[in-house]
């Protein structure tokens, strides 16, 4: 009688490193974890990583999205250089005691780099231009900025600031966030990987955590649209 003799697991070290990365990057799927493993020198097939990922019980539960009626999509021309077009939008979250705070996110649509995450309880149009001027000190001013129709972006102070610097403000149609897809995609990652993974006690803690995540996003996190390179 011939019986199968179980072989020793050759993937012990790989499984251990995969679990370590999954613990550090709790919202990464097997594709991004595979990129990080390749950076560590593990030359393995993506299908093996997928199999080990499932065997280790690391699969993520998908988060349901509310169904919406599909409408006509307006596709903006893609930028071809840095500083050709930026996008910005607001997000909101709450501290442990229930007090709300806001985040202003600014992204370069070509490099996909997060240029700034400004955290505060009250952010006005003057705060918006202060953040943009601070970013421009090291990068220069963009040719255009895409925003929604929030009162901070439509304010007179922002309009005058853009006119003085020759920046074109492109406002999307109300209720059409898909027209500002670059910043909406970034906001989803920020919510999923940063805000939902932490409990903030103070506003200073929220500023520190979001800035740490922003630097990690720009320098380490693989971006699928950039060939799995970091912005």
C-alpha atoms as a PDB file:
ATOM      1  CA  UNK A   1       0.000   0.000   0.000  1.00  0.00           C
ATOM      2  CA  UNK A   2       1.286   3.406  -0.952  1.00  0.00           C
ATOM      3  CA  UNK A   3       0.366   6.341   1.254  1.00  0.00           C
ATOM      4  CA  UNK A   4       1.067  10.021   0.858  1.00  0.00           C
ATOM      5  CA  UNK A   5       3.905  11.247   3.053  1.00  0.00           C
ATOM      6  CA  UNK A   6       3.323  14.832   4.093  1.00  0.00           C
ATOM      7  CA  UNK A   7       6.188  17.131   3.222  1.00  0.00           C
ATOM      8  CA  UNK A   8       7.559  19.891   5.398  1.00  0.00           C
ATOM      9  CA  UNK A   9       6.111  23.336   4.688  1.00  0.00           C
ATOM     10  CA  UNK A  10       8.606  25.213   2.505  1.00  0.00           C
ATOM     11  CA  UNK A  11       6.733  28.478   2.950  1.00  0.00           C
ATOM     12  CA  UNK A  12       7.183  28.903   6.697  1.00  0.00           C
ATOM     13  CA  UNK A  13       9.343  32.016   6.448  1.00  0.00           C
ATOM     14  CA  UNK A  14       7.148  33.451   3.718  1.00  0.00           C
ATOM     15  CA  UNK A  15       3.993  32.863   5.779  1.00  0.00           C
ATOM     16  CA  UNK A  16       5.564  34.582   8.777  1.00  0.00           C
ATOM     17  CA  UNK A  17       6.563  37.650   6.766  1.00  0.00           C
ATOM     18  CA  UNK A  18       3.140  37.748   5.113  1.00  0.00           C
ATOM     19  CA  UNK A  19       1.427  37.735   8.530  1.00  0.00           C
ATOM     20  CA  UNK A  20       3.740  40.491   9.770  1.00  0.00           C
ATOM     21  CA  UNK A  21       2.984  42.725   6.785  1.00  0.00           C
ATOM     22  CA  UNK A  22      -0.750  42.026   7.040  1.00  0.00           C
ATOM     23  CA  UNK A  23      -0.654  43.045  10.696  1.00  0.00           C
ATOM     24  CA  UNK A  24       1.138  46.288   9.834  1.00  0.00           C
ATOM     25  CA  UNK A  25      -1.084  47.015   6.804  1.00  0.00           C
ATOM     26  CA  UNK A  26      -4.458  45.787   7.964  1.00  0.00           C
ATOM     27  CA  UNK A  27      -6.378  47.076   4.949  1.00  0.00           C
ATOM     28  CA  UNK A  28      -3.991  45.788   2.258  1.00  0.00           C
ATOM     29  CA  UNK A  29      -5.079  42.910   0.043  1.00  0.00           C
ATOM     30  CA  UNK A  30      -2.795  40.187  -1.267  1.00  0.00           C
ATOM     31  CA  UNK A  31      -1.785  42.182  -4.365  1.00  0.00           C
ATOM     32  CA  UNK A  32      -0.267  45.068  -2.411  1.00  0.00           C
ATOM     33  CA  UNK A  33       1.212  42.692   0.133  1.00  0.00           C
ATOM     34  CA  UNK A  34       2.838  40.853  -2.765  1.00  0.00           C
ATOM     35  CA  UNK A  35       4.461  44.119  -3.884  1.00  0.00           C
ATOM     36  CA  UNK A  36       5.889  44.647  -0.395  1.00  0.00           C
ATOM     37  CA  UNK A  37       7.177  41.059  -0.325  1.00  0.00           C
ATOM     38  CA  UNK A  38       8.915  41.592  -3.658  1.00  0.00           C
ATOM     39  CA  UNK A  39      10.573  44.699  -2.223  1.00  0.00           C
ATOM     40  CA  UNK A  40      11.849  42.492   0.622  1.00  0.00           C
ATOM     41  CA  UNK A  41      13.443  40.115  -1.886  1.00  0.00           C
ATOM     42  CA  UNK A  42      10.829  37.320  -2.014  1.00  0.00           C
ATOM     43  CA  UNK A  43      10.650  36.366  -5.704  1.00  0.00           C
ATOM     44  CA  UNK A  44       7.417  34.328  -5.642  1.00  0.00           C
ATOM     45  CA  UNK A  45       4.403  34.008  -7.895  1.00  0.00           C
ATOM     46  CA  UNK A  46       1.396  36.182  -7.115  1.00  0.00           C
ATOM     47  CA  UNK A  47      -0.863  33.104  -7.117  1.00  0.00           C
ATOM     48  CA  UNK A  48       1.163  31.526  -4.317  1.00  0.00           C
ATOM     49  CA  UNK A  49       0.778  34.677  -2.236  1.00  0.00           C
ATOM     50  CA  UNK A  50      -2.968  34.583  -2.885  1.00  0.00           C
ATOM     51  CA  UNK A  51      -3.146  30.941  -1.764  1.00  0.00           C
ATOM     52  CA  UNK A  52      -1.126  31.556   1.401  1.00  0.00           C
ATOM     53  CA  UNK A  53      -3.112  34.735   2.057  1.00  0.00           C
ATOM     54  CA  UNK A  54      -6.329  32.718   2.088  1.00  0.00           C
ATOM     55  CA  UNK A  55      -4.894  29.822   4.085  1.00  0.00           C
ATOM     56  CA  UNK A  56      -3.744  32.212   6.800  1.00  0.00           C
ATOM     57  CA  UNK A  57      -7.269  33.674   7.049  1.00  0.00           C
ATOM     58  CA  UNK A  58      -6.164  37.166   6.064  1.00  0.00           C
ATOM     59  CA  UNK A  59      -8.909  37.865   3.521  1.00  0.00           C
ATOM     60  CA  UNK A  60     -10.645  41.187   4.029  1.00  0.00           C
ATOM     61  CA  UNK A  61     -14.374  41.518   4.358  1.00  0.00           C
ATOM     62  CA  UNK A  62     -15.706  43.798   1.648  1.00  0.00           C
ATOM     63  CA  UNK A  63     -17.453  46.939   2.825  1.00  0.00           C
ATOM     64  CA  UNK A  64     -20.861  47.487   1.323  1.00  0.00           C
ATOM     65  CA  UNK A  65     -21.519  50.598  -0.660  1.00  0.00           C
ATOM     66  CA  UNK A  66     -24.873  52.224  -1.048  1.00  0.00           C
ATOM     67  CA  UNK A  67     -26.439  51.619  -4.450  1.00  0.00           C
ATOM     68  CA  UNK A  68     -26.854  54.698  -6.578  1.00  0.00           C
ATOM     69  CA  UNK A  69     -28.360  55.262  -9.994  1.00  0.00           C
ATOM     70  CA  UNK A  70     -25.643  55.535 -12.619  1.00  0.00           C
ATOM     71  CA  UNK A  71     -25.543  58.823 -14.494  1.00  0.00           C
ATOM     72  CA  UNK A  72     -23.636  60.403 -17.362  1.00  0.00           C
ATOM     73  CA  UNK A  73     -19.934  60.536 -16.616  1.00  0.00           C
ATOM     74  CA  UNK A  74     -17.835  63.586 -17.453  1.00  0.00           C
ATOM     75  CA  UNK A  75     -14.254  62.494 -18.132  1.00  0.00           C
ATOM     76  CA  UNK A  76     -11.666  65.223 -17.574  1.00  0.00           C
ATOM     77  CA  UNK A  77      -8.533  65.211 -19.748  1.00  0.00           C
ATOM     78  CA  UNK A  78      -5.722  63.451 -17.937  1.00  0.00           C
ATOM     79  CA  UNK A  79      -2.811  65.636 -16.771  1.00  0.00           C
ATOM     80  CA  UNK A  80       0.586  64.914 -18.324  1.00  0.00           C
ATOM     81  CA  UNK A  81       2.909  66.683 -15.857  1.00  0.00           C
ATOM     82  CA  UNK A  82       3.251  67.561 -12.204  1.00  0.00           C
ATOM     83  CA  UNK A  83       1.519  70.758 -11.048  1.00  0.00           C
ATOM     84  CA  UNK A  84      -0.716  70.740 -14.116  1.00  0.00           C
ATOM     85  CA  UNK A  85      -3.783  69.999 -12.001  1.00  0.00           C
ATOM     86  CA  UNK A  86      -4.450  69.546  -8.295  1.00  0.00           C
ATOM     87  CA  UNK A  87      -7.600  68.293  -6.595  1.00  0.00           C
ATOM     88  CA  UNK A  88      -8.846  69.110  -3.116  1.00  0.00           C
ATOM     89  CA  UNK A  89     -11.822  68.214  -0.946  1.00  0.00           C
ATOM     90  CA  UNK A  90     -12.951  68.078   2.670  1.00  0.00           C
ATOM     91  CA  UNK A  91     -13.559  65.053   4.892  1.00  0.00           C
ATOM     92  CA  UNK A  92     -14.944  64.844   8.417  1.00  0.00           C
ATOM     93  CA  UNK A  93     -14.405  62.565  11.405  1.00  0.00           C
ATOM     94  CA  UNK A  94     -14.926  62.618  15.170  1.00  0.00           C
ATOM     95  CA  UNK A  95     -12.812  62.394  18.301  1.00  0.00           C
ATOM     96  CA  UNK A  96     -13.468  59.811  20.999  1.00  0.00           C
ATOM     97  CA  UNK A  97     -15.720  62.273  22.875  1.00  0.00           C
ATOM     98  CA  UNK A  98     -17.870  62.887  19.781  1.00  0.00           C
ATOM     99  CA  UNK A  99     -16.506  66.304  18.811  1.00  0.00           C
ATOM    100  CA  UNK A 100     -16.232  66.624  15.052  1.00  0.00           C
ATOM    101  CA  UNK A 101     -13.206  67.779  13.086  1.00  0.00           C
ATOM    102  CA  UNK A 102     -12.495  68.271   9.393  1.00  0.00           C
ATOM    103  CA  UNK A 103      -9.685  67.358   7.025  1.00  0.00           C
ATOM    104  CA  UNK A 104      -8.645  69.266   3.896  1.00  0.00           C
ATOM    105  CA  UNK A 105      -6.892  66.918   1.452  1.00  0.00           C
ATOM    106  CA  UNK A 106      -4.871  68.154  -1.536  1.00  0.00           C
ATOM    107  CA  UNK A 107      -3.595  65.770  -4.249  1.00  0.00           C
ATOM    108  CA  UNK A 108      -1.545  66.186  -7.436  1.00  0.00           C
ATOM    109  CA  UNK A 109      -3.565  64.392 -10.130  1.00  0.00           C
ATOM    110  CA  UNK A 110      -0.499  63.328 -12.156  1.00  0.00           C
ATOM    111  CA  UNK A 111       1.970  62.167  -9.507  1.00  0.00           C
ATOM    112  CA  UNK A 112      -0.889  61.013  -7.191  1.00  0.00           C
ATOM    113  CA  UNK A 113       1.092  62.543  -4.325  1.00  0.00           C
ATOM    114  CA  UNK A 114      -0.822  63.783  -1.308  1.00  0.00           C
ATOM    115  CA  UNK A 115       0.436  67.349  -0.968  1.00  0.00           C
ATOM    116  CA  UNK A 116      -1.272  68.171   2.331  1.00  0.00           C
ATOM    117  CA  UNK A 117      -3.760  66.950   4.934  1.00  0.00           C
ATOM    118  CA  UNK A 118      -4.892  69.867   7.069  1.00  0.00           C
ATOM    119  CA  UNK A 119      -6.797  68.921  10.247  1.00  0.00           C
ATOM    120  CA  UNK A 120      -8.898  71.388  12.240  1.00  0.00           C
ATOM    121  CA  UNK A 121     -12.244  71.854  13.909  1.00  0.00           C
ATOM    122  CA  UNK A 122     -13.115  74.774  11.657  1.00  0.00           C
ATOM    123  CA  UNK A 123     -11.499  75.288   8.259  1.00  0.00           C
ATOM    124  CA  UNK A 124     -12.429  78.406   6.290  1.00  0.00           C
ATOM    125  CA  UNK A 125     -11.474  79.791   2.902  1.00  0.00           C
ATOM    126  CA  UNK A 126      -8.492  81.579   4.493  1.00  0.00           C
ATOM    127  CA  UNK A 127      -7.278  78.257   5.893  1.00  0.00           C
ATOM    128  CA  UNK A 128      -7.564  76.778   2.388  1.00  0.00           C
ATOM    129  CA  UNK A 129      -5.343  79.401   0.757  1.00  0.00           C
ATOM    130  CA  UNK A 130      -2.871  79.215   3.684  1.00  0.00           C
ATOM    131  CA  UNK A 131      -2.462  75.468   3.049  1.00  0.00           C
ATOM    132  CA  UNK A 132      -2.085  75.965  -0.711  1.00  0.00           C
ATOM    133  CA  UNK A 133       0.505  78.732  -0.245  1.00  0.00           C
ATOM    134  CA  UNK A 134       2.455  76.497   2.136  1.00  0.00           C
ATOM    135  CA  UNK A 135       2.500  73.653  -0.397  1.00  0.00           C
ATOM    136  CA  UNK A 136       3.471  76.047  -3.210  1.00  0.00           C
ATOM    137  CA  UNK A 137       6.607  77.137  -1.319  1.00  0.00           C
ATOM    138  CA  UNK A 138       8.218  73.790  -2.146  1.00  0.00           C
ATOM    139  CA  UNK A 139       6.361  72.825  -5.349  1.00  0.00           C
ATOM    140  CA  UNK A 140       5.149  75.977  -7.068  1.00  0.00           C
ATOM    141  CA  UNK A 141       1.536  76.775  -7.974  1.00  0.00           C
ATOM    142  CA  UNK A 142      -0.635  74.543 -10.204  1.00  0.00           C
ATOM    143  CA  UNK A 143      -2.290  75.569 -13.457  1.00  0.00           C
ATOM    144  CA  UNK A 144      -5.715  74.407 -12.249  1.00  0.00           C
ATOM    145  CA  UNK A 145      -7.428  73.073  -9.115  1.00  0.00           C
ATOM    146  CA  UNK A 146     -10.514  70.836  -9.219  1.00  0.00           C
ATOM    147  CA  UNK A 147     -12.934  71.205  -6.295  1.00  0.00           C
ATOM    148  CA  UNK A 148     -16.552  70.656  -5.363  1.00  0.00           C
ATOM    149  CA  UNK A 149     -18.970  73.506  -4.692  1.00  0.00           C
ATOM    150  CA  UNK A 150     -18.341  73.839  -0.959  1.00  0.00           C
ATOM    151  CA  UNK A 151     -18.721  77.341   0.497  1.00  0.00           C
ATOM    152  CA  UNK A 152     -15.019  77.456   1.445  1.00  0.00           C
ATOM    153  CA  UNK A 153     -13.951  76.856  -2.173  1.00  0.00           C
ATOM    154  CA  UNK A 154     -16.545  79.227  -3.648  1.00  0.00           C
ATOM    155  CA  UNK A 155     -15.691  82.041  -1.248  1.00  0.00           C
ATOM    156  CA  UNK A 156     -14.529  85.429  -2.463  1.00  0.00           C
ATOM    157  CA  UNK A 157     -11.165  85.122  -0.708  1.00  0.00           C
ATOM    158  CA  UNK A 158     -10.312  81.905  -2.587  1.00  0.00           C
ATOM    159  CA  UNK A 159     -11.529  83.371  -5.887  1.00  0.00           C
ATOM    160  CA  UNK A 160      -9.357  86.477  -5.469  1.00  0.00           C
ATOM    161  CA  UNK A 161      -6.358  84.376  -4.443  1.00  0.00           C
ATOM    162  CA  UNK A 162      -6.691  82.181  -7.554  1.00  0.00           C
ATOM    163  CA  UNK A 163      -7.111  85.220  -9.834  1.00  0.00           C
ATOM    164  CA  UNK A 164      -3.950  86.906  -8.487  1.00  0.00           C
ATOM    165  CA  UNK A 165      -1.883  83.775  -9.126  1.00  0.00           C
ATOM    166  CA  UNK A 166      -3.392  82.858 -12.482  1.00  0.00           C
ATOM    167  CA  UNK A 167      -4.873  79.575 -11.234  1.00  0.00           C
ATOM    168  CA  UNK A 168      -8.018  78.232 -12.867  1.00  0.00           C
ATOM    169  CA  UNK A 169     -10.621  76.871 -10.433  1.00  0.00           C
ATOM    170  CA  UNK A 170     -12.633  73.996 -11.953  1.00  0.00           C
ATOM    171  CA  UNK A 171     -15.859  73.341 -10.040  1.00  0.00           C
ATOM    172  CA  UNK A 172     -17.589  70.010 -10.576  1.00  0.00           C
ATOM    173  CA  UNK A 173     -21.346  69.796 -11.023  1.00  0.00           C
ATOM    174  CA  UNK A 174     -23.292  69.564  -7.730  1.00  0.00           C
ATOM    175  CA  UNK A 175     -23.870  65.972  -6.681  1.00  0.00           C
ATOM    176  CA  UNK A 176     -21.305  64.571  -9.170  1.00  0.00           C
ATOM    177  CA  UNK A 177     -18.270  63.503  -7.087  1.00  0.00           C
ATOM    178  CA  UNK A 178     -17.133  61.212  -9.932  1.00  0.00           C
ATOM    179  CA  UNK A 179     -16.016  64.361 -11.756  1.00  0.00           C
ATOM    180  CA  UNK A 180     -13.430  64.816  -8.990  1.00  0.00           C
ATOM    181  CA  UNK A 181     -12.375  61.178  -9.053  1.00  0.00           C
ATOM    182  CA  UNK A 182      -8.707  61.570  -8.041  1.00  0.00           C
ATOM    183  CA  UNK A 183      -9.415  63.180  -4.681  1.00  0.00           C
ATOM    184  CA  UNK A 184     -12.465  60.971  -4.051  1.00  0.00           C
ATOM    185  CA  UNK A 185     -10.311  57.881  -4.571  1.00  0.00           C
ATOM    186  CA  UNK A 186      -7.713  59.267  -2.171  1.00  0.00           C
ATOM    187  CA  UNK A 187     -10.379  60.118   0.407  1.00  0.00           C
ATOM    188  CA  UNK A 188     -11.585  56.509   0.324  1.00  0.00           C
ATOM    189  CA  UNK A 189      -8.063  55.229   1.045  1.00  0.00           C
ATOM    190  CA  UNK A 190      -7.577  57.796   3.806  1.00  0.00           C
ATOM    191  CA  UNK A 191     -10.862  56.787   5.419  1.00  0.00           C
ATOM    192  CA  UNK A 192     -10.225  53.048   5.099  1.00  0.00           C
ATOM    193  CA  UNK A 193      -6.543  52.874   6.072  1.00  0.00           C
ATOM    194  CA  UNK A 194      -6.154  55.797   8.475  1.00  0.00           C
ATOM    195  CA  UNK A 195      -9.334  57.220  10.021  1.00  0.00           C
ATOM    196  CA  UNK A 196     -11.230  53.940  10.479  1.00  0.00           C
ATOM    197  CA  UNK A 197      -8.177  52.215  11.970  1.00  0.00           C
ATOM    198  CA  UNK A 198      -7.566  54.716  14.784  1.00  0.00           C
ATOM    199  CA  UNK A 199      -9.375  56.285  17.726  1.00  0.00           C
ATOM    200  CA  UNK A 200      -8.362  59.903  18.248  1.00  0.00           C
ATOM    201  CA  UNK A 201      -8.466  61.438  21.719  1.00  0.00           C
ATOM    202  CA  UNK A 202      -7.246  64.942  20.837  1.00  0.00           C
ATOM    203  CA  UNK A 203      -7.031  67.022  17.684  1.00  0.00           C
ATOM    204  CA  UNK A 204      -3.226  67.041  18.006  1.00  0.00           C
ATOM    205  CA  UNK A 205      -3.206  63.252  17.926  1.00  0.00           C
ATOM    206  CA  UNK A 206      -5.327  63.322  14.763  1.00  0.00           C
ATOM    207  CA  UNK A 207      -2.876  65.758  13.114  1.00  0.00           C
ATOM    208  CA  UNK A 208       0.115  63.593  14.008  1.00  0.00           C
ATOM    209  CA  UNK A 209      -1.504  60.334  12.840  1.00  0.00           C
ATOM    210  CA  UNK A 210      -2.728  61.727   9.507  1.00  0.00           C
ATOM    211  CA  UNK A 211       0.648  63.314   8.750  1.00  0.00           C
ATOM    212  CA  UNK A 212       2.435  60.028   9.500  1.00  0.00           C
ATOM    213  CA  UNK A 213       0.019  58.197   7.208  1.00  0.00           C
ATOM    214  CA  UNK A 214       0.452  60.866   4.488  1.00  0.00           C
ATOM    215  CA  UNK A 215       4.231  60.395   4.447  1.00  0.00           C
ATOM    216  CA  UNK A 216       3.810  56.613   4.329  1.00  0.00           C
ATOM    217  CA  UNK A 217       1.330  56.989   1.454  1.00  0.00           C
ATOM    218  CA  UNK A 218       3.767  59.144  -0.528  1.00  0.00           C
ATOM    219  CA  UNK A 219       6.965  57.185   0.145  1.00  0.00           C
ATOM    220  CA  UNK A 220       6.106  53.515   0.749  1.00  0.00           C
ATOM    221  CA  UNK A 221       2.550  52.516  -0.105  1.00  0.00           C
ATOM    222  CA  UNK A 222       2.388  50.908  -3.589  1.00  0.00           C
ATOM    223  CA  UNK A 223       0.001  52.648  -5.997  1.00  0.00           C
ATOM    224  CA  UNK A 224      -1.510  50.445  -8.717  1.00  0.00           C
ATOM    225  CA  UNK A 225      -1.874  53.373 -11.163  1.00  0.00           C
ATOM    226  CA  UNK A 226       1.887  54.024 -10.906  1.00  0.00           C
ATOM    227  CA  UNK A 227       3.017  50.468 -11.626  1.00  0.00           C
ATOM    228  CA  UNK A 228       3.025  49.660  -7.889  1.00  0.00           C
ATOM    229  CA  UNK A 229       5.518  52.424  -7.157  1.00  0.00           C
ATOM    230  CA  UNK A 230       4.940  54.904  -4.355  1.00  0.00           C
ATOM    231  CA  UNK A 231       3.989  58.440  -5.438  1.00  0.00           C
END
